[in-house]
Amino acid sequence: MPDLRERVEDDRGLLKKIQLHIPGFAGYRRREDLRTADNLLRIQLADRIVKVKEKVEGARQELVRNYQVASLEPVGGLVFKLTELDGRVRHAEGGYSGISADIRVEEVELNKLYEFDLALFDGASALLAKADELKAAARKEADAVLAAVDDFRAVAESFEDTFERRMKVITGTEVA
């Protein structure tokens, strides 16, 4: 996966390049570019979660075709959870640090935030794999579906826990 931070830097226009040479403004410009890269990365991550949701909805349709009505509710809960995760990732805090912010997120922390979001792609890939397993289980008996739902939930909870820790770790506000 390409590093979006480099792409954002390469795509700087003339005005942004000039801003890098103005004392006091150069740091602001670099931080804004890092925030932009992080935002682009989170949008891609949210789009991947939408793909996972589509696969889970496909599994739900497979359950309907196979008349496994009892399994529809737990799979529907997964669709709801994925919709929630998509919104949280897509609209998550991007490390903005205004003039009088309570907690300032500087360039080092923004780089950590970007790396943290990049690591979440592994979690999204695991969710995609579990969605495929769920769809395969939908063609089997109800016990296989419920086991696949439990496996999917465990991976989704791990992804969500990691995502929730994201800003706490970066800002140093996580309580042990």
Protein backbone atom coordinates (compact mmCIF):
# COMPACT_ATOMS: atom_id res chain seq x y z
CA MET A 1 0.00 0.00 0.00
CA PRO A 2 1.43 3.40 -0.94
CA ASP A 3 2.21 5.86 1.81
CA LEU A 4 -0.37 8.62 1.36
CA ARG A 5 1.81 11.03 3.30
CA GLU A 6 4.29 11.01 0.41
CA ARG A 7 1.49 11.44 -2.13
CA VAL A 8 0.08 14.46 -0.27
CA GLU A 9 3.58 15.98 -0.10
CA ASP A 10 4.17 15.35 -3.82
CA ASP A 11 0.83 16.96 -4.71
CA ARG A 12 1.54 20.24 -2.91
CA GLY A 13 0.82 23.21 -5.10
CA LEU A 14 2.99 26.30 -5.40
CA LEU A 15 1.25 28.11 -2.53
CA LYS A 16 1.71 25.19 -0.15
CA LYS A 17 5.38 24.87 -1.11
CA ILE A 18 5.88 28.57 -0.39
CA GLN A 19 4.17 28.14 2.99
CA LEU A 20 6.84 25.58 3.94
CA HIS A 21 9.43 28.37 3.86
CA ILE A 22 7.54 30.81 6.09
CA PRO A 23 8.75 30.66 9.70
CA GLY A 24 5.95 29.54 12.02
CA PHE A 25 3.83 28.39 9.12
CA ALA A 26 5.95 25.48 7.88
CA GLY A 27 5.01 23.28 10.85
CA TYR A 28 1.36 24.11 10.37
CA ARG A 29 1.59 23.14 6.67
CA ARG A 30 3.28 19.81 7.47
CA ARG A 31 0.68 18.99 10.14
CA GLU A 32 -2.19 19.84 7.79
CA ASP A 33 -0.67 17.58 5.13
CA LEU A 34 -0.41 14.74 7.66
CA ARG A 35 -4.04 15.29 8.68
CA THR A 36 -5.04 15.14 5.02
CA ALA A 37 -3.15 11.87 4.51
CA ASP A 38 -4.73 10.40 7.65
CA ASN A 39 -8.19 11.45 6.47
CA LEU A 40 -7.63 9.85 3.05
CA LEU A 41 -6.48 6.67 4.73
CA ARG A 42 -9.51 6.56 7.03
CA ILE A 43 -11.86 7.04 4.06
CA GLN A 44 -10.25 4.04 2.36
CA LEU A 45 -10.54 2.05 5.58
CA ALA A 46 -14.23 2.97 5.88
CA ASP A 47 -14.77 1.96 2.24
CA ARG A 48 -13.24 -1.42 3.05
CA ILE A 49 -15.66 -1.81 5.96
CA VAL A 50 -18.51 -1.11 3.52
CA LYS A 51 -17.23 -4.00 1.38
CA VAL A 52 -17.25 -6.24 4.45
CA LYS A 53 -20.82 -5.16 5.16
CA GLU A 54 -21.84 -6.00 1.59
CA LYS A 55 -20.39 -9.50 2.00
CA VAL A 56 -22.24 -9.99 5.28
CA GLU A 57 -25.44 -8.84 3.61
CA GLY A 58 -24.72 -11.43 0.91
CA ALA A 59 -24.48 -14.06 3.64
CA ARG A 60 -27.82 -12.86 4.98
CA GLN A 61 -29.37 -13.29 1.53
CA GLU A 62 -27.91 -16.78 1.37
CA LEU A 63 -29.60 -17.56 4.71
CA VAL A 64 -32.93 -16.43 3.28
CA ARG A 65 -32.45 -18.64 0.21
CA ASN A 66 -31.70 -21.59 2.50
CA TYR A 67 -34.66 -20.85 4.80
CA GLN A 68 -32.43 -20.36 7.85
CA VAL A 69 -34.66 -17.77 9.45
CA ALA A 70 -33.31 -18.31 12.98
CA SER A 71 -29.85 -17.14 11.88
CA LEU A 72 -31.07 -13.90 10.32
CA GLU A 73 -31.16 -11.91 13.57
CA PRO A 74 -27.53 -12.50 14.61
CA VAL A 75 -26.30 -11.77 11.07
CA GLY A 76 -28.47 -8.64 11.00
CA GLY A 77 -26.72 -7.54 14.18
CA LEU A 78 -23.41 -7.83 12.35
CA VAL A 79 -24.71 -5.62 9.55
CA PHE A 80 -25.79 -3.04 12.14
CA LYS A 81 -22.37 -3.19 13.85
CA LEU A 82 -20.58 -2.72 10.52
CA THR A 83 -22.76 0.28 9.67
CA GLU A 84 -21.80 1.81 13.02
CA LEU A 85 -18.10 1.05 12.49
CA ASP A 86 -18.19 2.60 9.02
CA GLY A 87 -19.57 5.84 10.43
CA ARG A 88 -17.12 5.94 13.31
CA VAL A 89 -14.09 5.33 11.08
CA ARG A 90 -15.25 7.68 8.33
CA HIS A 91 -15.93 10.55 10.75
CA ALA A 92 -13.24 9.85 13.35
CA GLU A 93 -11.10 12.53 14.90
CA GLY A 94 -8.29 13.30 12.51
CA GLY A 95 -5.89 14.82 14.96
CA TYR A 96 -6.97 18.42 14.48
CA SER A 97 -5.26 20.75 16.90
CA GLY A 98 -6.59 24.28 16.89
CA ILE A 99 -5.02 27.36 18.39
CA SER A 100 -6.41 26.78 21.88
CA ALA A 101 -7.02 23.04 21.86
CA ASP A 102 -7.12 21.24 25.21
CA ILE A 103 -4.82 18.54 23.87
CA ARG A 104 -2.46 19.44 21.04
CA VAL A 105 -1.67 16.77 18.47
CA GLU A 106 1.68 17.63 16.94
CA GLU A 107 3.54 16.22 13.93
CA VAL A 108 5.02 13.20 15.76
CA GLU A 109 1.61 12.23 17.11
CA LEU A 110 0.01 12.73 13.68
CA ASN A 111 2.54 10.33 12.19
CA LYS A 112 1.67 7.81 14.92
CA LEU A 113 -2.03 8.35 14.16
CA TYR A 114 -1.41 7.63 10.49
CA GLU A 115 0.56 4.47 11.35
CA PHE A 116 -2.21 3.41 13.73
CA ASP A 117 -4.84 3.82 10.99
CA LEU A 118 -2.66 1.95 8.53
CA ALA A 119 -2.43 -0.95 11.00
CA LEU A 120 -6.24 -1.06 11.14
CA PHE A 121 -6.17 -2.28 7.54
CA ASP A 122 -5.01 -5.66 8.88
CA GLY A 123 -8.16 -5.75 11.00
CA ALA A 124 -10.28 -4.86 7.97
CA SER A 125 -8.65 -7.69 6.00
CA ALA A 126 -9.46 -10.11 8.83
CA LEU A 127 -13.07 -8.90 8.74
CA LEU A 128 -13.21 -9.55 4.98
CA ALA A 129 -11.96 -13.10 5.52
CA LYS A 130 -14.51 -13.72 8.29
CA ALA A 131 -17.28 -12.35 6.04
CA ASP A 132 -16.31 -14.93 3.40
CA GLU A 133 -16.37 -17.65 6.04
CA LEU A 134 -19.81 -16.48 7.16
CA LYS A 135 -21.16 -16.64 3.62
CA ALA A 136 -19.77 -20.18 3.22
CA ALA A 137 -21.34 -21.19 6.55
CA ALA A 138 -24.71 -19.81 5.39
CA ARG A 139 -24.89 -22.74 2.97
CA LYS A 140 -24.54 -25.18 5.88
CA GLU A 141 -26.55 -25.90 9.03
CA ALA A 142 -27.49 -23.31 11.64
CA ASP A 143 -24.73 -24.35 14.07
CA ALA A 144 -22.07 -23.51 11.48
CA VAL A 145 -23.66 -20.10 10.91
CA LEU A 146 -23.76 -19.29 14.62
CA ALA A 147 -20.12 -20.36 15.03
CA ALA A 148 -19.15 -18.13 12.07
CA VAL A 149 -21.13 -15.24 13.60
CA ASP A 150 -19.26 -15.68 16.89
CA ASP A 151 -15.90 -15.73 15.08
CA PHE A 152 -16.85 -12.62 13.10
CA ARG A 153 -17.97 -10.82 16.27
CA ALA A 154 -14.66 -11.56 17.99
CA VAL A 155 -12.67 -10.07 15.09
CA ALA A 156 -15.04 -7.08 14.88
CA GLU A 157 -14.69 -6.43 18.62
CA SER A 158 -10.91 -6.57 18.34
CA PHE A 159 -11.02 -4.08 15.44
CA GLU A 160 -13.34 -1.80 17.40
CA ASP A 161 -11.17 -1.97 20.54
CA THR A 162 -8.11 -1.05 18.52
CA PHE A 163 -9.95 1.81 16.87
CA GLU A 164 -11.22 3.15 20.21
CA ARG A 165 -7.69 3.12 21.64
CA ARG A 166 -6.41 5.07 18.63
CA MET A 167 -6.77 8.62 19.88
CA LYS A 168 -6.28 7.70 23.53
CA VAL A 169 -2.87 6.26 22.79
CA ILE A 170 -1.88 9.12 20.51
CA THR A 171 -2.89 11.85 22.96
CA GLY A 172 -1.58 10.01 26.01
CA THR A 173 -5.02 10.06 27.66
CA GLU A 174 -5.46 6.29 27.96
CA VAL A 175 -5.90 5.22 31.58
CA ALA A 176 -4.24 1.92 32.38
